[in-house]
Every structure is written in structure tokens, then in C-alpha cells.
């Protein structure tokens, strides 16, 4: 038996939608040299916060700010100390290289 809720189409995840606004956010993300360095260093394999801070000489507060930005804009995921680029972040990485 179908429930009315079953008839409601599933909305796409906000991180799966690309709009003109999203394209502006990509440019905003890439125009920041610190973010570009972080994205490039995290790369395909991911890094820990400690590795990023040590390699790029970024203070913890600045790294937190930049990672929060990348997570909010759906380019990265942070799980405890581990930082990974998601599919959108990997798209940015391709542009940087």
C-alpha cells in the first residue's frame, strides 16, 4: 500500500545542485591562495589537520576558518582530524593543477 509520502519526489541534496550562485562560489573559493594551497595539499588521498598545519605553516584558527568554509560550500568533509575533498572539491583540485 502506497503512502502519500511515497508519492513526494525526493529533492536533490543541496551539495548536488549546481547553479550560477554555485559557480560564483567556486570562483570565490579559488581566488583565495590559502584555500587553493589547502585543496591542493589535501589532494585525492586526504590529510589530517596536523599535516596541513605543519606543511603549509597555517595557524590552527586560520585552518579551522578555511576548512569550515570548504565544508559549508560542499567542497570538503572533515571527520575529526581527517580532511577529505568530496566530488566537488576534487573538481576544484583539477582546476588548480
PDB file of N, CA and C in Angstrom:
ATOM      1  N   UNK A   1       0.839  -1.178   0.000  1.00  0.00           N
ATOM      2  CA  UNK A   1       0.000   0.000   0.000  1.00  0.00           C
ATOM      3  C   UNK A   1       0.886   1.244   0.000  1.00  0.00           C
ATOM      4  N   UNK A   2       0.635   2.155  -0.933  1.00  0.00           N
ATOM      5  CA  UNK A   2       1.445   3.367  -1.020  1.00  0.00           C
ATOM      6  C   UNK A   2       0.930   4.422  -0.059  1.00  0.00           C
ATOM      7  N   UNK A   3       1.841   5.055   0.562  1.00  0.00           N
ATOM      8  CA  UNK A   3       1.541   6.152   1.459  1.00  0.00           C
ATOM      9  C   UNK A   3       1.679   7.444   0.662  1.00  0.00           C
ATOM     10  N   UNK A   4       0.993   8.499   1.035  1.00  0.00           N
ATOM     11  CA  UNK A   4       1.111   9.769   0.313  1.00  0.00           C
ATOM     12  C   UNK A   4       2.546  10.271   0.308  1.00  0.00           C
ATOM     13  N   UNK A   5       3.262  10.010   1.364  1.00  0.00           N
ATOM     14  CA  UNK A   5       4.653  10.465   1.449  1.00  0.00           C
ATOM     15  C   UNK A   5       5.508   9.787   0.387  1.00  0.00           C
ATOM     16  N   UNK A   6       5.137   8.574  -0.022  1.00  0.00           N
ATOM     17  CA  UNK A   6       5.891   7.868  -1.056  1.00  0.00           C
ATOM     18  C   UNK A   6       5.765   8.544  -2.420  1.00  0.00           C
ATOM     19  N   UNK A   7       4.735   9.331  -2.606  1.00  0.00           N
ATOM     20  CA  UNK A   7       4.492   9.986  -3.888  1.00  0.00           C
ATOM     21  C   UNK A   7       5.249  11.302  -4.035  1.00  0.00           C
ATOM     22  N   UNK A   8       5.797  11.804  -2.952  1.00  0.00           N
ATOM     23  CA  UNK A   8       6.536  13.063  -2.991  1.00  0.00           C
ATOM     24  C   UNK A   8       7.922  12.795  -3.558  1.00  0.00           C
ATOM     25  N   UNK A   9       8.302  13.506  -4.645  1.00  0.00           N
ATOM     26  CA  UNK A   9       9.634  13.267  -5.214  1.00  0.00           C
ATOM     27  C   UNK A   9      10.730  13.707  -4.252  1.00  0.00           C
ATOM     28  N   UNK A  10      11.803  12.967  -4.276  1.00  0.00           N
ATOM     29  CA  UNK A  10      12.937  13.277  -3.418  1.00  0.00           C
ATOM     30  C   UNK A  10      13.676  14.485  -3.977  1.00  0.00           C
ATOM     31  N   UNK A  11      13.962  15.449  -3.119  1.00  0.00           N
ATOM     32  CA  UNK A  11      14.695  16.634  -3.539  1.00  0.00           C
ATOM     33  C   UNK A  11      16.180  16.323  -3.588  1.00  0.00           C
ATOM     34  N   UNK A  12      16.899  16.920  -4.543  1.00  0.00           N
ATOM     35  CA  UNK A  12      18.337  16.667  -4.598  1.00  0.00           C
ATOM     36  C   UNK A  12      19.035  17.276  -3.391  1.00  0.00           C
ATOM     37  N   UNK A  13      20.092  16.649  -2.975  1.00  0.00           N
ATOM     38  CA  UNK A  13      20.932  17.174  -1.911  1.00  0.00           C
ATOM     39  C   UNK A  13      21.476  18.519  -2.363  1.00  0.00           C
ATOM     40  N   UNK A  14      21.507  19.490  -1.456  1.00  0.00           N
ATOM     41  CA  UNK A  14      21.982  20.827  -1.837  1.00  0.00           C
ATOM     42  C   UNK A  14      23.419  20.792  -2.349  1.00  0.00           C
ATOM     43  N   UNK A  15      24.189  19.801  -1.962  1.00  0.00           N
ATOM     44  CA  UNK A  15      25.565  19.693  -2.444  1.00  0.00           C
ATOM     45  C   UNK A  15      25.636  19.072  -3.838  1.00  0.00           C
ATOM     46  N   UNK A  16      24.504  18.610  -4.376  1.00  0.00           N
ATOM     47  CA  UNK A  16      24.487  18.024  -5.716  1.00  0.00           C
ATOM     48  C   UNK A  16      23.981  19.003  -6.771  1.00  0.00           C
ATOM     49  N   UNK A  17      23.564  20.177  -6.356  1.00  0.00           N
ATOM     50  CA  UNK A  17      22.960  21.135  -7.271  1.00  0.00           C
ATOM     51  C   UNK A  17      23.980  22.182  -7.691  1.00  0.00           C
ATOM     52  N   UNK A  18      24.083  22.434  -8.991  1.00  0.00           N
ATOM     53  CA  UNK A  18      24.989  23.467  -9.496  1.00  0.00           C
ATOM     54  C   UNK A  18      24.153  24.587 -10.102  1.00  0.00           C
ATOM     55  N   UNK A  19      24.379  25.779  -9.639  1.00  0.00           N
ATOM     56  CA  UNK A  19      23.632  26.948 -10.082  1.00  0.00           C
ATOM     57  C   UNK A  19      24.617  28.063 -10.397  1.00  0.00           C
ATOM     58  N   UNK A  20      24.144  29.167 -10.987  1.00  0.00           N
ATOM     59  CA  UNK A  20      25.047  30.312 -11.178  1.00  0.00           C
ATOM     60  C   UNK A  20      25.680  30.760  -9.858  1.00  0.00           C
ATOM     61  N   UNK A  21      24.903  30.698  -8.778  1.00  0.00           N
ATOM     62  CA  UNK A  21      25.448  31.040  -7.462  1.00  0.00           C
ATOM     63  C   UNK A  21      26.603  30.110  -7.105  1.00  0.00           C
ATOM     64  N   UNK A  22      26.441  28.812  -7.369  1.00  0.00           N
ATOM     65  CA  UNK A  22      27.496  27.842  -7.071  1.00  0.00           C
ATOM     66  C   UNK A  22      28.752  28.144  -7.870  1.00  0.00           C
ATOM     67  N   UNK A  23      28.587  28.528  -9.105  1.00  0.00           N
ATOM     68  CA  UNK A  23      29.756  28.870  -9.919  1.00  0.00           C
ATOM     69  C   UNK A  23      30.482  30.090  -9.352  1.00  0.00           C
ATOM     70  N   UNK A  24      29.733  31.063  -8.874  1.00  0.00           N
ATOM     71  CA  UNK A  24      30.371  32.230  -8.227  1.00  0.00           C
ATOM     72  C   UNK A  24      31.124  31.795  -6.975  1.00  0.00           C
ATOM     73  N   UNK A  25      30.542  30.846  -6.233  1.00  0.00           N
ATOM     74  CA  UNK A  25      31.206  30.349  -5.028  1.00  0.00           C
ATOM     75  C   UNK A  25      32.496  29.606  -5.368  1.00  0.00           C
ATOM     76  N   UNK A  26      32.497  28.904  -6.490  1.00  0.00           N
ATOM     77  CA  UNK A  26      33.723  28.218  -6.923  1.00  0.00           C
ATOM     78  C   UNK A  26      34.826  29.242  -7.178  1.00  0.00           C
ATOM     79  N   UNK A  27      34.478  30.320  -7.875  1.00  0.00           N
ATOM     80  CA  UNK A  27      35.476  31.357  -8.143  1.00  0.00           C
ATOM     81  C   UNK A  27      35.935  32.016  -6.849  1.00  0.00           C
ATOM     82  N   UNK A  28      34.992  32.272  -5.940  1.00  0.00           N
ATOM     83  CA  UNK A  28      35.342  32.870  -4.649  1.00  0.00           C
ATOM     84  C   UNK A  28      36.292  31.946  -3.884  1.00  0.00           C
ATOM     85  N   UNK A  29      36.035  30.668  -3.954  1.00  0.00           N
ATOM     86  CA  UNK A  29      36.885  29.692  -3.272  1.00  0.00           C
ATOM     87  C   UNK A  29      38.285  29.683  -3.868  1.00  0.00           C
ATOM     88  N   UNK A  30      38.358  29.672  -5.185  1.00  0.00           N
ATOM     89  CA  UNK A  30      39.653  29.557  -5.863  1.00  0.00           C
ATOM     90  C   UNK A  30      40.465  30.840  -5.852  1.00  0.00           C
ATOM     91  N   UNK A  31      39.827  31.993  -5.632  1.00  0.00           N
ATOM     92  CA  UNK A  31      40.594  33.236  -5.639  1.00  0.00           C
ATOM     93  C   UNK A  31      41.415  33.408  -4.361  1.00  0.00           C
ATOM     94  N   UNK A  32      41.132  32.606  -3.349  1.00  0.00           N
ATOM     95  CA  UNK A  32      41.869  32.690  -2.096  1.00  0.00           C
ATOM     96  C   UNK A  32      43.081  31.757  -2.162  1.00  0.00           C
ATOM     97  N   UNK A  33      44.305  32.316  -2.117  1.00  0.00           N
ATOM     98  CA  UNK A  33      45.502  31.477  -2.258  1.00  0.00           C
ATOM     99  C   UNK A  33      45.659  30.433  -1.147  1.00  0.00           C
ATOM    100  N   UNK A  34      45.240  30.760   0.058  1.00  0.00           N
ATOM    101  CA  UNK A  34      45.343  29.788   1.154  1.00  0.00           C
ATOM    102  C   UNK A  34      44.429  28.600   0.895  1.00  0.00           C
ATOM    103  N   UNK A  35      43.217  28.869   0.446  1.00  0.00           N
ATOM    104  CA  UNK A  35      42.301  27.767   0.139  1.00  0.00           C
ATOM    105  C   UNK A  35      42.830  26.914  -0.997  1.00  0.00           C
ATOM    106  N   UNK A  36      43.405  27.552  -2.005  1.00  0.00           N
ATOM    107  CA  UNK A  36      43.972  26.773  -3.118  1.00  0.00           C
ATOM    108  C   UNK A  36      45.063  25.848  -2.607  1.00  0.00           C
ATOM    109  N   UNK A  37      45.932  26.352  -1.728  1.00  0.00           N
ATOM    110  CA  UNK A  37      47.011  25.520  -1.173  1.00  0.00           C
ATOM    111  C   UNK A  37      46.446  24.350  -0.369  1.00  0.00           C
ATOM    112  N   UNK A  38      45.422  24.632   0.428  1.00  0.00           N
ATOM    113  CA  UNK A  38      44.811  23.576   1.244  1.00  0.00           C
ATOM    114  C   UNK A  38      44.198  22.505   0.349  1.00  0.00           C
ATOM    115  N   UNK A  39      43.441  22.931  -0.652  1.00  0.00           N
ATOM    116  CA  UNK A  39      42.806  21.979  -1.569  1.00  0.00           C
ATOM    117  C   UNK A  39      43.865  21.132  -2.262  1.00  0.00           C
ATOM    118  N   UNK A  40      44.903  21.789  -2.736  1.00  0.00           N
ATOM    119  CA  UNK A  40      45.964  21.069  -3.450  1.00  0.00           C
ATOM    120  C   UNK A  40      46.683  20.076  -2.525  1.00  0.00           C
ATOM    121  N   UNK A  41      46.946  20.478  -1.283  1.00  0.00           N
ATOM    122  CA  UNK A  41      47.653  19.599  -0.359  1.00  0.00           C
ATOM    123  C   UNK A  41      46.777  18.424   0.091  1.00  0.00           C
ATOM    124  N   UNK A  42      45.508  18.673   0.345  1.00  0.00           N
ATOM    125  CA  UNK A  42      44.612  17.573   0.723  1.00  0.00           C
ATOM    126  C   UNK A  42      44.566  16.545  -0.403  1.00  0.00           C
ATOM    127  N   UNK A  43      44.473  17.030  -1.629  1.00  0.00           N
ATOM    128  CA  UNK A  43      44.545  16.163  -2.802  1.00  0.00           C
ATOM    129  C   UNK A  43      43.514  15.050  -2.820  1.00  0.00           C
ATOM    130  N   UNK A  44      43.864  13.989  -3.536  1.00  0.00           N
ATOM    131  CA  UNK A  44      42.952  12.856  -3.704  1.00  0.00           C
ATOM    132  C   UNK A  44      42.919  11.948  -2.480  1.00  0.00           C
ATOM    133  N   UNK A  45      44.020  11.901  -1.716  1.00  0.00           N
ATOM    134  CA  UNK A  45      44.110  10.937  -0.622  1.00  0.00           C
ATOM    135  C   UNK A  45      43.634  11.467   0.724  1.00  0.00           C
ATOM    136  N   UNK A  46      43.529  12.800   0.877  1.00  0.00           N
ATOM    137  CA  UNK A  46      43.129  13.362   2.159  1.00  0.00           C
ATOM    138  C   UNK A  46      44.331  13.578   3.067  1.00  0.00           C
ATOM    139  N   UNK A  47      44.150  14.391   4.078  1.00  0.00           N
ATOM    140  CA  UNK A  47      45.213  14.708   5.047  1.00  0.00           C
ATOM    141  C   UNK A  47      44.593  14.959   6.415  1.00  0.00           C
ATOM    142  N   UNK A  48      45.448  14.937   7.418  1.00  0.00           N
ATOM    143  CA  UNK A  48      44.993  15.315   8.752  1.00  0.00           C
ATOM    144  C   UNK A  48      45.185  16.821   8.924  1.00  0.00           C
ATOM    145  N   UNK A  49      44.479  17.374   9.895  1.00  0.00           N
ATOM    146  CA  UNK A  49      44.625  18.806  10.177  1.00  0.00           C
ATOM    147  C   UNK A  49      46.072  19.122  10.544  1.00  0.00           C
ATOM    148  N   UNK A  50      46.684  18.242  11.332  1.00  0.00           N
ATOM    149  CA  UNK A  50      48.069  18.461  11.754  1.00  0.00           C
ATOM    150  C   UNK A  50      49.011  18.500  10.553  1.00  0.00           C
ATOM    151  N   UNK A  51      48.831  17.580   9.607  1.00  0.00           N
ATOM    152  CA  UNK A  51      49.668  17.571   8.400  1.00  0.00           C
ATOM    153  C   UNK A  51      49.519  18.878   7.623  1.00  0.00           C
ATOM    154  N   UNK A  52      48.289  19.344   7.503  1.00  0.00           N
ATOM    155  CA  UNK A  52      48.040  20.584   6.759  1.00  0.00           C
ATOM    156  C   UNK A  52      48.707  21.762   7.455  1.00  0.00           C
ATOM    157  N   UNK A  53      48.514  21.865   8.781  1.00  0.00           N
ATOM    158  CA  UNK A  53      49.104  22.983   9.529  1.00  0.00           C
ATOM    159  C   UNK A  53      50.621  22.978   9.427  1.00  0.00           C
ATOM    160  N   UNK A  54      51.237  21.804   9.574  1.00  0.00           N
ATOM    161  CA  UNK A  54      52.698  21.720   9.541  1.00  0.00           C
ATOM    162  C   UNK A  54      53.256  22.004   8.152  1.00  0.00           C
ATOM    163  N   UNK A  55      52.695  21.390   7.142  1.00  0.00           N
ATOM    164  CA  UNK A  55      53.224  21.528   5.781  1.00  0.00           C
ATOM    165  C   UNK A  55      53.019  22.937   5.224  1.00  0.00           C
ATOM    166  N   UNK A  56      51.846  23.522   5.487  1.00  0.00           N
ATOM    167  CA  UNK A  56      51.527  24.829   4.912  1.00  0.00           C
ATOM    168  C   UNK A  56      51.770  25.987   5.873  1.00  0.00           C
ATOM    169  N   UNK A  57      52.234  25.675   7.081  1.00  0.00           N
ATOM    170  CA  UNK A  57      52.509  26.698   8.103  1.00  0.00           C
ATOM    171  C   UNK A  57      51.291  27.597   8.325  1.00  0.00           C
ATOM    172  N   UNK A  58      50.157  26.959   8.543  1.00  0.00           N
ATOM    173  CA  UNK A  58      48.902  27.673   8.772  1.00  0.00           C
ATOM    174  C   UNK A  58      48.525  27.519  10.242  1.00  0.00           C
ATOM    175  N   UNK A  59      48.244  28.625  10.931  1.00  0.00           N
ATOM    176  CA  UNK A  59      47.789  28.525  12.320  1.00  0.00           C
ATOM    177  C   UNK A  59      46.453  27.775  12.409  1.00  0.00           C
ATOM    178  N   UNK A  60      46.226  27.138  13.533  1.00  0.00           N
ATOM    179  CA  UNK A  60      45.027  26.318  13.718  1.00  0.00           C
ATOM    180  C   UNK A  60      43.733  27.101  13.482  1.00  0.00           C
ATOM    181  N   UNK A  61      43.675  28.346  13.970  1.00  0.00           N
ATOM    182  CA  UNK A  61      42.467  29.159  13.812  1.00  0.00           C
ATOM    183  C   UNK A  61      42.173  29.433  12.338  1.00  0.00           C
ATOM    184  N   UNK A  62      43.223  29.742  11.579  1.00  0.00           N
ATOM    185  CA  UNK A  62      43.041  30.015  10.157  1.00  0.00           C
ATOM    186  C   UNK A  62      42.627  28.744   9.413  1.00  0.00           C
ATOM    187  N   UNK A  63      43.231  27.620   9.766  1.00  0.00           N
ATOM    188  CA  UNK A  63      42.864  26.360   9.127  1.00  0.00           C
ATOM    189  C   UNK A  63      41.403  26.028   9.411  1.00  0.00           C
ATOM    190  N   UNK A  64      40.980  26.211  10.652  1.00  0.00           N
ATOM    191  CA  UNK A  64      39.582  25.946  11.002  1.00  0.00           C
ATOM    192  C   UNK A  64      38.654  26.820  10.169  1.00  0.00           C
ATOM    193  N   UNK A  65      38.978  28.098  10.043  1.00  0.00           N
ATOM    194  CA  UNK A  65      38.157  29.020   9.249  1.00  0.00           C
ATOM    195  C   UNK A  65      38.052  28.544   7.801  1.00  0.00           C
ATOM    196  N   UNK A  66      39.195  28.187   7.218  1.00  0.00           N
ATOM    197  CA  UNK A  66      39.212  27.774   5.810  1.00  0.00           C
ATOM    198  C   UNK A  66      38.501  26.433   5.607  1.00  0.00           C
ATOM    199  N   UNK A  67      38.717  25.492   6.517  1.00  0.00           N
ATOM    200  CA  UNK A  67      38.031  24.200   6.400  1.00  0.00           C
ATOM    201  C   UNK A  67      36.526  24.357   6.586  1.00  0.00           C
ATOM    202  N   UNK A  68      36.124  25.209   7.532  1.00  0.00           N
ATOM    203  CA  UNK A  68      34.692  25.468   7.722  1.00  0.00           C
ATOM    204  C   UNK A  68      34.076  26.024   6.442  1.00  0.00           C
ATOM    205  N   UNK A  69      34.802  26.920   5.773  1.00  0.00           N
ATOM    206  CA  UNK A  69      34.329  27.483   4.508  1.00  0.00           C
ATOM    207  C   UNK A  69      34.168  26.377   3.469  1.00  0.00           C
ATOM    208  N   UNK A  70      35.184  25.531   3.328  1.00  0.00           N
ATOM    209  CA  UNK A  70      35.143  24.459   2.330  1.00  0.00           C
ATOM    210  C   UNK A  70      34.021  23.459   2.614  1.00  0.00           C
ATOM    211  N   UNK A  71      33.786  23.169   3.880  1.00  0.00           N
ATOM    212  CA  UNK A  71      32.700  22.257   4.249  1.00  0.00           C
ATOM    213  C   UNK A  71      31.347  22.917   3.971  1.00  0.00           C
ATOM    214  N   UNK A  72      31.204  24.174   4.367  1.00  0.00           N
ATOM    215  CA  UNK A  72      29.940  24.893   4.165  1.00  0.00           C
ATOM    216  C   UNK A  72      29.567  24.987   2.685  1.00  0.00           C
ATOM    217  N   UNK A  73      30.563  25.161   1.833  1.00  0.00           N
ATOM    218  CA  UNK A  73      30.319  25.290   0.395  1.00  0.00           C
ATOM    219  C   UNK A  73      30.305  23.930  -0.308  1.00  0.00           C
ATOM    220  N   UNK A  74      30.367  22.857   0.469  1.00  0.00           N
ATOM    221  CA  UNK A  74      30.263  21.477  -0.045  1.00  0.00           C
ATOM    222  C   UNK A  74      31.453  21.060  -0.912  1.00  0.00           C
ATOM    223  N   UNK A  75      32.664  21.447  -0.512  1.00  0.00           N
ATOM    224  CA  UNK A  75      33.866  21.032  -1.232  1.00  0.00           C
ATOM    225  C   UNK A  75      34.701  20.028  -0.442  1.00  0.00           C
ATOM    226  N   UNK A  76      34.487  19.958   0.864  1.00  0.00           N
ATOM    227  CA  UNK A  76      35.309  19.081   1.697  1.00  0.00           C
ATOM    228  C   UNK A  76      34.467  18.503   2.824  1.00  0.00           C
ATOM    229  N   UNK A  77      35.014  17.463   3.425  1.00  0.00           N
ATOM    230  CA  UNK A  77      34.407  16.840   4.595  1.00  0.00           C
ATOM    231  C   UNK A  77      35.495  16.679   5.642  1.00  0.00           C
ATOM    232  N   UNK A  78      35.138  16.984   6.877  1.00  0.00           N
ATOM    233  CA  UNK A  78      36.072  16.846   7.988  1.00  0.00           C
ATOM    234  C   UNK A  78      35.454  15.882   8.983  1.00  0.00           C
ATOM    235  N   UNK A  79      36.215  14.834   9.303  1.00  0.00           N
ATOM    236  CA  UNK A  79      35.771  13.835  10.265  1.00  0.00           C
ATOM    237  C   UNK A  79      36.840  13.753  11.340  1.00  0.00           C
ATOM    238  N   UNK A  80      36.603  14.437  12.444  1.00  0.00           N
ATOM    239  CA  UNK A  80      37.618  14.505  13.492  1.00  0.00           C
ATOM    240  C   UNK A  80      38.834  15.249  12.988  1.00  0.00           C
ATOM    241  N   UNK A  81      39.955  14.562  12.903  1.00  0.00           N
ATOM    242  CA  UNK A  81      41.199  15.173  12.416  1.00  0.00           C
ATOM    243  C   UNK A  81      41.403  14.979  10.915  1.00  0.00           C
ATOM    244  N   UNK A  82      40.602  14.133  10.295  1.00  0.00           N
ATOM    245  CA  UNK A  82      40.791  13.798   8.881  1.00  0.00           C
ATOM    246  C   UNK A  82      40.020  14.739   7.971  1.00  0.00           C
ATOM    247  N   UNK A  83      40.687  15.191   6.919  1.00  0.00           N
ATOM    248  CA  UNK A  83      40.098  16.109   5.944  1.00  0.00           C
ATOM    249  C   UNK A  83      40.149  15.458   4.569  1.00  0.00           C
ATOM    250  N   UNK A  84      39.014  15.443   3.901  1.00  0.00           N
ATOM    251  CA  UNK A  84      38.912  14.851   2.563  1.00  0.00           C
ATOM    252  C   UNK A  84      38.167  15.815   1.650  1.00  0.00           C
ATOM    253  N   UNK A  85      38.538  15.817   0.382  1.00  0.00           N
ATOM    254  CA  UNK A  85      37.762  16.537  -0.617  1.00  0.00           C
ATOM    255  C   UNK A  85      36.649  15.614  -1.093  1.00  0.00           C
ATOM    256  N   UNK A  86      35.464  16.156  -1.278  1.00  0.00           N
ATOM    257  CA  UNK A  86      34.392  15.364  -1.880  1.00  0.00           C
ATOM    258  C   UNK A  86      34.457  15.557  -3.397  1.00  0.00           C
ATOM    259  N   UNK A  87      33.452  15.096  -4.121  1.00  0.00           N
ATOM    260  CA  UNK A  87      33.486  15.189  -5.586  1.00  0.00           C
ATOM    261  C   UNK A  87      33.634  16.626  -6.068  1.00  0.00           C
ATOM    262  N   UNK A  88      32.935  17.539  -5.433  1.00  0.00           N
ATOM    263  CA  UNK A  88      33.045  18.948  -5.830  1.00  0.00           C
ATOM    264  C   UNK A  88      34.442  19.491  -5.535  1.00  0.00           C
ATOM    265  N   UNK A  89      34.995  19.107  -4.407  1.00  0.00           N
ATOM    266  CA  UNK A  89      36.353  19.526  -4.075  1.00  0.00           C
ATOM    267  C   UNK A  89      37.367  18.967  -5.055  1.00  0.00           C
ATOM    268  N   UNK A  90      37.150  17.736  -5.482  1.00  0.00           N
ATOM    269  CA  UNK A  90      38.049  17.137  -6.475  1.00  0.00           C
ATOM    270  C   UNK A  90      37.934  17.854  -7.816  1.00  0.00           C
ATOM    271  N   UNK A  91      36.739  18.368  -8.138  1.00  0.00           N
ATOM    272  CA  UNK A  91      36.592  19.187  -9.345  1.00  0.00           C
ATOM    273  C   UNK A  91      37.447  20.447  -9.243  1.00  0.00           C
ATOM    274  N   UNK A  92      37.458  21.068  -8.065  1.00  0.00           N
ATOM    275  CA  UNK A  92      38.301  22.255  -7.864  1.00  0.00           C
ATOM    276  C   UNK A  92      39.776  21.894  -7.980  1.00  0.00           C
ATOM    277  N   UNK A  93      40.148  20.753  -7.423  1.00  0.00           N
ATOM    278  CA  UNK A  93      41.539  20.307  -7.486  1.00  0.00           C
ATOM    279  C   UNK A  93      42.002  20.182  -8.931  1.00  0.00           C
ATOM    280  N   UNK A  94      41.159  19.660  -9.790  1.00  0.00           N
ATOM    281  CA  UNK A  94      41.511  19.519 -11.206  1.00  0.00           C
ATOM    282  C   UNK A  94      41.786  20.871 -11.847  1.00  0.00           C
ATOM    283  N   UNK A  95      41.059  21.896 -11.440  1.00  0.00           N
ATOM    284  CA  UNK A  95      41.245  23.243 -11.985  1.00  0.00           C
ATOM    285  C   UNK A  95      42.564  23.835 -11.496  1.00  0.00           C
ATOM    286  N   UNK A  96      42.924  23.562 -10.254  1.00  0.00           N
ATOM    287  CA  UNK A  96      44.152  24.109  -9.661  1.00  0.00           C
ATOM    288  C   UNK A  96      45.383  23.499 -10.304  1.00  0.00           C
ATOM    289  N   UNK A  97      45.383  22.204 -10.558  1.00  0.00           N
ATOM    290  CA  UNK A  97      46.556  21.528 -11.099  1.00  0.00           C
ATOM    291  C   UNK A  97      46.737  21.960 -12.496  1.00  0.00           C
TER     292      UNK A  97
END
